[in-house]
Amino acid sequence: MSEQKAIEGVIEEPGAKGVTEGVSEERKQAGGAVAGREQAAGAAGEREQADGVVAEREQVGGAVAGVGQEPVPPAPRATRASRPLRGALRWAAALAVFAVFGASTAYGVTRLERTDVPGLGTASDGRWDYPELVRPPLPEGRPAPFASSNKATAHYADLRELVLPAPRGATADKTLAVSHGWVKTGTFLDEYPLKDDRELLGGVFRDRGLRHIAARGWTTPDGTRTRIYLLQFGTGLVAGEVQQEEFAGYDHAPRTLRGAPSTELDGRFPETWQLPNVTHYAYDEPRPYGAEQVRQAYLLAGDVIGLVVQSRKGDASAVPFQQTVALQEELLG
């Protein structure tokens, strides 16, 4: 509808005629001031002033009281030209909301602490640069170790592929199996200097049906030596019993490792790295160290018992040790 038709429609509303006549009479009595304004509005033909006339007709008392005073112009209505502007403002507001949301999301990602990302290699805290971890495929028809259908909590994947790979820049330890990945029981027992411990553990392994041991070791450029052993038993129940009876100590390690005559529970190990299906017992060697500091952790994951050992002349850094244990847990879990 055109501006002229809109104005005519407002003026010709039902009941408006009587009001108009009354107002005109009062305008005449007041010296024609209001009538002069109505004539000016009709001459201009503007919609906003016509609306102001209607407002004045509805408030006759106010119009009479204001005779002789300058009229207050009515608030302008939105025109068609202003609609695109309002639409643009609405889009700008929406974009601002999305920008704030995106910024908060990015902030949450960038604010992740390094201790929340064990695989992340950073130069500032001494972490090692491990390759991307990939679990080996399961044999056809076999469940994952902690699936509800796996009552034995057995690892059916190749155990050698579940040993953590060496970080980039490390040199492989050739005293451990490099080519085929398996080691003899005696190689594992050599980690224990006491004859009684070696004989006792050897008997336990025979009686509890130890199946095999997978291992890997390396030395990093800073001189830290790492050894990892995975011992697999028939079921998770058997492995759990062996772990509790032979390798679980509450304030110190139950077995003396070579190079670590005394141990204490590592209370600084981040609990946030503890996985639901994997248990670990981490131990540190207190000062004064001998020729080297030795750190060790025993893991239990279903039918597998793991041992992670790190040693270094002088002192062994806690960060790569904790990182190595956490990533080995990831592979077993």
Protein backbone atom coordinates (compact mmCIF):
# COMPACT_ATOMS: atom_id res chain seq x y z
CA MET A 1 0.00 0.00 0.00
CA SER A 2 1.31 3.46 -0.87
CA GLU A 3 2.01 6.18 1.71
CA GLN A 4 -1.10 8.16 0.61
CA LYS A 5 -3.41 5.14 1.01
CA ALA A 6 -1.90 4.37 4.39
CA ILE A 7 -2.65 7.89 5.59
CA GLU A 8 -6.17 7.75 4.25
CA GLY A 9 -6.75 4.44 5.95
CA VAL A 10 -5.69 5.87 9.31
CA ILE A 11 -7.90 8.92 8.96
CA GLU A 12 -10.97 6.90 7.82
CA GLU A 13 -10.91 4.46 10.76
CA PRO A 14 -14.38 3.69 12.28
CA GLY A 15 -15.33 6.27 14.85
CA ALA A 16 -12.60 8.65 13.83
CA LYS A 17 -15.02 11.08 12.13
CA GLY A 18 -16.84 12.07 15.30
CA VAL A 19 -13.62 12.57 17.14
CA THR A 20 -12.32 14.69 14.28
CA GLU A 21 -15.33 16.99 14.38
CA GLY A 22 -15.03 17.46 18.11
CA VAL A 23 -11.40 18.21 17.89
CA SER A 24 -11.98 20.68 15.00
CA GLU A 25 -14.53 22.57 17.09
CA GLU A 26 -12.10 22.84 19.93
CA ARG A 27 -9.37 23.98 17.54
CA LYS A 28 -11.60 26.79 16.34
CA GLN A 29 -12.20 27.89 19.92
CA ALA A 30 -8.47 27.80 20.64
CA GLY A 31 -7.64 30.18 17.84
CA GLY A 32 -7.11 27.51 15.11
CA ALA A 33 -3.63 26.56 16.25
CA VAL A 34 -4.23 22.84 16.00
CA ALA A 35 -6.12 23.18 12.73
CA GLY A 36 -3.10 24.93 11.31
CA ARG A 37 -0.96 21.97 12.21
CA GLU A 38 -3.43 19.54 10.58
CA GLN A 39 -3.34 21.58 7.37
CA ALA A 40 0.46 21.52 7.43
CA ALA A 41 0.42 17.75 7.88
CA GLY A 42 -2.03 17.31 5.01
CA ALA A 43 0.11 19.51 2.79
CA ALA A 44 3.28 17.59 3.60
CA GLY A 45 1.56 14.26 3.09
CA GLU A 46 3.92 12.52 5.58
CA ARG A 47 2.73 9.41 7.34
CA GLU A 48 4.42 10.18 10.61
CA GLN A 49 2.66 13.54 11.11
CA ALA A 50 -0.72 12.00 10.16
CA ASP A 51 -0.20 9.44 12.91
CA GLY A 52 0.60 12.33 15.28
CA VAL A 53 -2.78 13.94 14.37
CA VAL A 54 -4.58 10.72 15.29
CA ALA A 55 -2.70 10.61 18.59
CA GLU A 56 -3.73 14.18 19.31
CA ARG A 57 -7.39 13.38 18.49
CA GLU A 58 -7.33 10.53 21.00
CA GLN A 59 -5.93 12.86 23.67
CA VAL A 60 -8.21 15.91 23.20
CA GLY A 61 -7.60 17.27 26.66
CA GLY A 62 -3.87 17.27 26.09
CA ALA A 63 -4.33 19.00 22.73
CA VAL A 64 -6.44 21.78 24.25
CA ALA A 65 -4.03 22.24 27.15
CA GLY A 66 -1.15 22.56 24.68
CA VAL A 67 -2.68 25.32 22.63
CA GLY A 68 -0.13 28.00 21.95
CA GLN A 69 2.83 25.71 22.64
CA GLU A 70 5.18 24.11 20.14
CA PRO A 71 4.02 20.54 19.28
CA VAL A 72 6.24 17.57 20.21
CA PRO A 73 6.97 15.55 17.06
CA PRO A 74 5.91 11.88 17.29
CA ALA A 75 8.48 9.04 17.29
CA PRO A 76 9.22 8.03 13.69
CA ARG A 77 7.99 4.64 12.51
CA ALA A 78 10.26 2.12 10.87
CA THR A 79 10.21 2.48 7.13
CA ARG A 80 11.00 -0.08 4.47
CA ALA A 81 14.44 1.41 4.07
CA SER A 82 15.23 0.63 7.76
CA ARG A 83 14.29 -3.07 7.53
CA PRO A 84 17.54 -4.19 5.81
CA LEU A 85 19.44 -2.31 8.51
CA ARG A 86 17.61 -4.19 11.28
CA GLY A 87 18.27 -7.49 9.49
CA ALA A 88 21.95 -6.66 9.18
CA LEU A 89 22.09 -5.83 12.90
CA ARG A 90 20.42 -9.15 13.78
CA TRP A 91 22.98 -11.06 11.67
CA ALA A 92 25.82 -9.10 13.24
CA ALA A 93 24.56 -10.04 16.72
CA ALA A 94 24.29 -13.71 15.73
CA LEU A 95 27.81 -13.68 14.32
CA ALA A 96 29.06 -12.11 17.53
CA VAL A 97 27.49 -14.94 19.56
CA PHE A 98 29.12 -17.57 17.35
CA ALA A 99 32.45 -15.76 17.62
CA VAL A 100 32.27 -15.80 21.41
CA PHE A 101 31.33 -19.50 21.41
CA GLY A 102 34.19 -20.36 19.06
CA ALA A 103 36.64 -18.39 21.14
CA SER A 104 35.56 -20.19 24.33
CA THR A 105 35.94 -23.56 22.61
CA ALA A 106 39.44 -22.72 21.42
CA TYR A 107 40.31 -21.52 24.90
CA GLY A 108 39.23 -24.81 26.42
CA VAL A 109 41.50 -26.72 24.02
CA THR A 110 44.54 -24.52 24.40
CA ARG A 111 44.21 -24.51 28.17
CA LEU A 112 44.69 -28.29 28.49
CA GLU A 113 47.49 -28.95 30.89
CA ARG A 114 50.44 -31.00 29.69
CA THR A 115 49.73 -33.55 32.41
CA ASP A 116 46.39 -34.22 30.68
CA VAL A 117 48.08 -35.25 27.42
CA PRO A 118 50.68 -37.94 28.23
CA GLY A 119 51.61 -38.55 24.59
CA LEU A 120 52.34 -34.91 23.82
CA GLY A 121 56.08 -34.31 23.38
CA THR A 122 57.28 -30.92 24.59
CA ALA A 123 60.81 -29.65 24.88
CA SER A 124 60.13 -27.68 28.06
CA ASP A 125 59.13 -30.50 30.41
CA GLY A 126 61.37 -33.30 29.10
CA ARG A 127 58.75 -35.47 27.40
CA TRP A 128 59.83 -37.92 24.77
CA ASP A 129 58.60 -37.93 21.19
CA TYR A 130 56.74 -41.21 20.89
CA PRO A 131 55.25 -42.35 17.58
CA GLU A 132 51.51 -42.57 17.20
CA LEU A 133 50.16 -45.55 19.15
CA VAL A 134 48.10 -48.12 17.25
CA ARG A 135 46.67 -51.24 18.87
CA PRO A 136 47.23 -54.43 16.87
CA PRO A 137 44.18 -56.03 15.23
CA LEU A 138 42.27 -58.76 17.06
CA PRO A 139 42.01 -62.24 15.56
CA GLU A 140 38.71 -62.80 13.80
CA GLY A 141 35.94 -63.59 16.23
CA ARG A 142 37.96 -62.68 19.33
CA PRO A 143 36.73 -59.97 21.73
CA ALA A 144 38.69 -57.10 23.24
CA PRO A 145 40.27 -57.86 26.62
CA PHE A 146 37.66 -56.02 28.66
CA ALA A 147 34.57 -56.75 26.58
CA SER A 148 31.64 -58.22 28.50
CA SER A 149 31.90 -61.43 26.48
CA ASN A 150 35.58 -61.90 27.42
CA LYS A 151 35.22 -63.66 30.76
CA ALA A 152 38.96 -64.39 31.03
CA THR A 153 39.90 -60.73 30.31
CA ALA A 154 42.46 -62.15 27.91
CA HIS A 155 44.51 -60.17 25.38
CA TYR A 156 44.05 -62.06 22.11
CA ALA A 157 46.10 -59.60 20.07
CA ASP A 158 49.81 -60.28 19.54
CA LEU A 159 51.40 -59.45 22.88
CA ARG A 160 54.59 -58.26 21.20
CA GLU A 161 52.60 -55.57 19.42
CA LEU A 162 51.26 -54.36 22.76
CA VAL A 163 54.71 -53.39 24.03
CA LEU A 164 55.25 -49.64 23.85
CA PRO A 165 57.51 -48.66 20.91
CA ALA A 166 60.71 -46.71 21.53
CA PRO A 167 60.58 -42.91 21.23
CA ARG A 168 62.20 -41.18 18.29
CA GLY A 169 65.95 -40.83 18.62
CA ALA A 170 66.36 -43.78 21.01
CA THR A 171 68.77 -46.68 20.50
CA ALA A 172 67.34 -50.21 20.78
CA ASP A 173 68.56 -52.38 23.65
CA LYS A 174 69.96 -55.49 21.99
CA THR A 175 70.05 -57.43 25.24
CA LEU A 176 66.30 -57.68 24.89
CA ALA A 177 64.56 -59.38 22.00
CA VAL A 178 64.67 -56.95 19.09
CA SER A 179 63.80 -59.19 16.14
CA HIS A 180 61.14 -61.60 17.40
CA GLY A 181 59.99 -59.76 20.56
CA TRP A 182 59.98 -62.70 22.99
CA VAL A 183 62.38 -63.15 25.89
CA LYS A 184 63.12 -66.13 28.13
CA THR A 185 61.98 -66.18 31.73
CA GLY A 186 65.61 -65.95 32.84
CA THR A 187 66.05 -62.60 31.09
CA PHE A 188 63.22 -61.16 33.12
CA LEU A 189 64.50 -62.71 36.36
CA ASP A 190 67.90 -61.09 35.81
CA GLU A 191 66.28 -57.79 36.78
CA TYR A 192 66.32 -59.10 40.39
CA PRO A 193 69.77 -59.34 42.03
CA LEU A 194 68.74 -61.55 44.96
CA LYS A 195 68.95 -65.28 44.32
CA ASP A 196 65.99 -65.98 46.59
CA ASP A 197 63.75 -63.65 44.58
CA ARG A 198 64.78 -65.23 41.28
CA GLU A 199 64.13 -68.77 42.54
CA LEU A 200 60.82 -67.89 44.17
CA LEU A 201 59.50 -66.06 41.11
CA GLY A 202 60.71 -68.83 38.79
CA GLY A 203 58.66 -71.35 40.78
CA VAL A 204 55.59 -69.10 40.81
CA PHE A 205 55.75 -68.69 37.05
CA ARG A 206 55.91 -72.43 36.50
CA ASP A 207 53.09 -73.19 38.93
CA ARG A 208 50.78 -70.43 37.63
CA GLY A 209 51.26 -71.25 33.98
CA LEU A 210 53.17 -68.25 32.63
CA ARG A 211 52.66 -68.42 28.87
CA HIS A 212 55.33 -66.05 27.54
CA ILE A 213 57.08 -62.71 28.05
CA ALA A 214 57.29 -59.92 25.49
CA ALA A 215 59.88 -57.19 26.00
CA ARG A 216 61.49 -54.12 24.52
CA GLY A 217 64.21 -51.74 25.69
CA TRP A 218 66.04 -48.62 24.54
CA THR A 219 68.42 -45.87 25.61
CA THR A 220 67.71 -42.21 24.93
CA PRO A 221 70.41 -39.63 24.10
CA ASP A 222 70.41 -38.34 27.70
CA GLY A 223 71.50 -41.77 28.93
CA THR A 224 68.16 -42.96 30.35
CA ARG A 225 67.71 -46.69 29.91
CA THR A 226 64.17 -48.12 29.65
CA ARG A 227 63.07 -51.76 29.88
CA ILE A 228 59.49 -52.96 29.47
CA TYR A 229 58.29 -56.53 30.11
CA LEU A 230 54.80 -57.93 29.55
CA LEU A 231 54.07 -61.29 31.24
CA GLN A 232 50.96 -63.13 30.02
CA PHE A 233 49.08 -65.76 32.02
CA GLY A 234 46.11 -68.01 31.22
CA THR A 235 43.41 -65.73 32.65
CA GLY A 236 43.02 -62.38 34.29
CA LEU A 237 42.18 -64.12 37.57
CA VAL A 238 45.55 -65.89 37.67
CA ALA A 239 47.46 -62.76 36.70
CA GLY A 240 45.68 -60.78 39.41
CA GLU A 241 46.63 -63.32 42.07
CA VAL A 242 50.30 -63.29 41.03
CA GLN A 243 50.32 -59.49 41.00
CA GLN A 244 48.88 -59.21 44.50
CA GLU A 245 51.05 -61.93 46.02
CA GLU A 246 54.40 -61.07 44.40
CA PHE A 247 54.47 -57.52 42.99
CA ALA A 248 52.06 -55.32 44.96
CA GLY A 249 53.62 -53.32 47.78
CA TYR A 250 51.93 -50.47 49.61
CA ASP A 251 54.84 -48.35 50.77
CA HIS A 252 57.74 -49.96 48.88
CA ALA A 253 58.33 -52.51 46.11
CA PRO A 254 58.08 -56.12 47.37
CA ARG A 255 61.03 -57.23 45.22
CA THR A 256 64.44 -55.58 45.00
CA LEU A 257 65.38 -54.57 41.49
CA ARG A 258 68.97 -54.42 40.33
CA GLY A 259 70.44 -51.01 41.15
CA ALA A 260 67.62 -50.08 43.59
CA PRO A 261 68.35 -51.46 47.07
CA SER A 262 65.60 -49.31 48.59
CA THR A 263 62.29 -48.01 47.19
CA GLU A 264 59.31 -45.93 48.19
CA LEU A 265 55.84 -45.51 46.75
CA ASP A 266 55.78 -42.79 44.09
CA GLY A 267 53.08 -40.51 45.48
CA ARG A 268 53.61 -37.89 42.74
CA PHE A 269 52.35 -40.12 39.94
CA PRO A 270 49.30 -38.37 38.38
CA GLU A 271 46.15 -40.24 39.35
CA THR A 272 44.36 -38.75 36.33
CA TRP A 273 46.36 -41.15 34.15
CA GLN A 274 44.89 -44.21 35.88
CA LEU A 275 42.72 -46.13 33.40
CA PRO A 276 39.55 -47.96 34.51
CA ASN A 277 40.80 -51.45 33.58
CA VAL A 278 44.50 -51.07 34.39
CA THR A 279 46.13 -50.95 37.83
CA HIS A 280 49.64 -49.67 38.46
CA TYR A 281 52.02 -49.54 41.41
CA ALA A 282 54.80 -47.00 40.86
CA TYR A 283 57.95 -46.84 43.00
CA ASP A 284 60.87 -44.45 43.23
CA GLU A 285 64.34 -44.82 44.67
CA PRO A 286 64.89 -42.32 47.49
CA ARG A 287 68.10 -40.34 47.99
CA PRO A 288 70.94 -40.94 48.29
CA TYR A 289 71.11 -42.82 44.99
CA GLY A 290 73.78 -45.30 44.11
CA ALA A 291 75.46 -45.25 40.71
CA GLU A 292 72.08 -44.45 39.16
CA GLN A 293 68.50 -43.74 40.11
CA VAL A 294 65.96 -46.44 39.32
CA ARG A 295 62.22 -45.92 38.81
CA GLN A 296 59.83 -48.85 38.40
CA ALA A 297 56.11 -49.55 37.96
CA TYR A 298 54.13 -52.79 37.92
CA LEU A 299 50.97 -52.89 35.82
CA LEU A 300 48.01 -55.26 35.84
CA ALA A 301 45.69 -55.38 32.82
CA GLY A 302 43.56 -58.50 32.53
CA ASP A 303 45.79 -61.52 31.93
CA VAL A 304 48.96 -59.38 31.60
CA ILE A 305 51.40 -58.18 34.25
CA GLY A 306 53.74 -55.44 33.09
CA LEU A 307 56.99 -54.05 34.47
CA VAL A 308 58.41 -50.70 33.37
CA VAL A 309 61.91 -49.82 34.55
CA GLN A 310 63.84 -46.61 33.89
CA SER A 311 67.33 -45.91 35.21
CA ARG A 312 69.89 -43.17 34.66
CA LYS A 313 73.24 -42.24 36.08
CA GLY A 314 72.78 -39.47 38.59
CA ASP A 315 69.01 -39.16 38.51
CA ALA A 316 66.16 -40.35 36.30
CA SER A 317 63.60 -37.71 35.37
CA ALA A 318 60.06 -38.30 36.59
CA VAL A 319 58.33 -36.87 33.50
CA PRO A 320 59.41 -39.41 30.85
CA PHE A 321 58.90 -42.24 33.34
CA GLN A 322 55.32 -41.21 34.04
CA GLN A 323 54.73 -40.65 30.32
CA THR A 324 56.07 -44.11 29.44
CA VAL A 325 53.93 -45.85 32.08
CA ALA A 326 50.80 -43.97 31.00
CA LEU A 327 51.25 -44.83 27.32
CA GLN A 328 51.91 -48.49 28.10
CA GLU A 329 48.69 -48.55 30.06
CA GLU A 330 46.89 -47.08 27.05
CA LEU A 331 48.03 -49.95 24.86
CA LEU A 332 47.01 -52.60 27.39
CA GLY A 333 43.65 -51.01 28.19
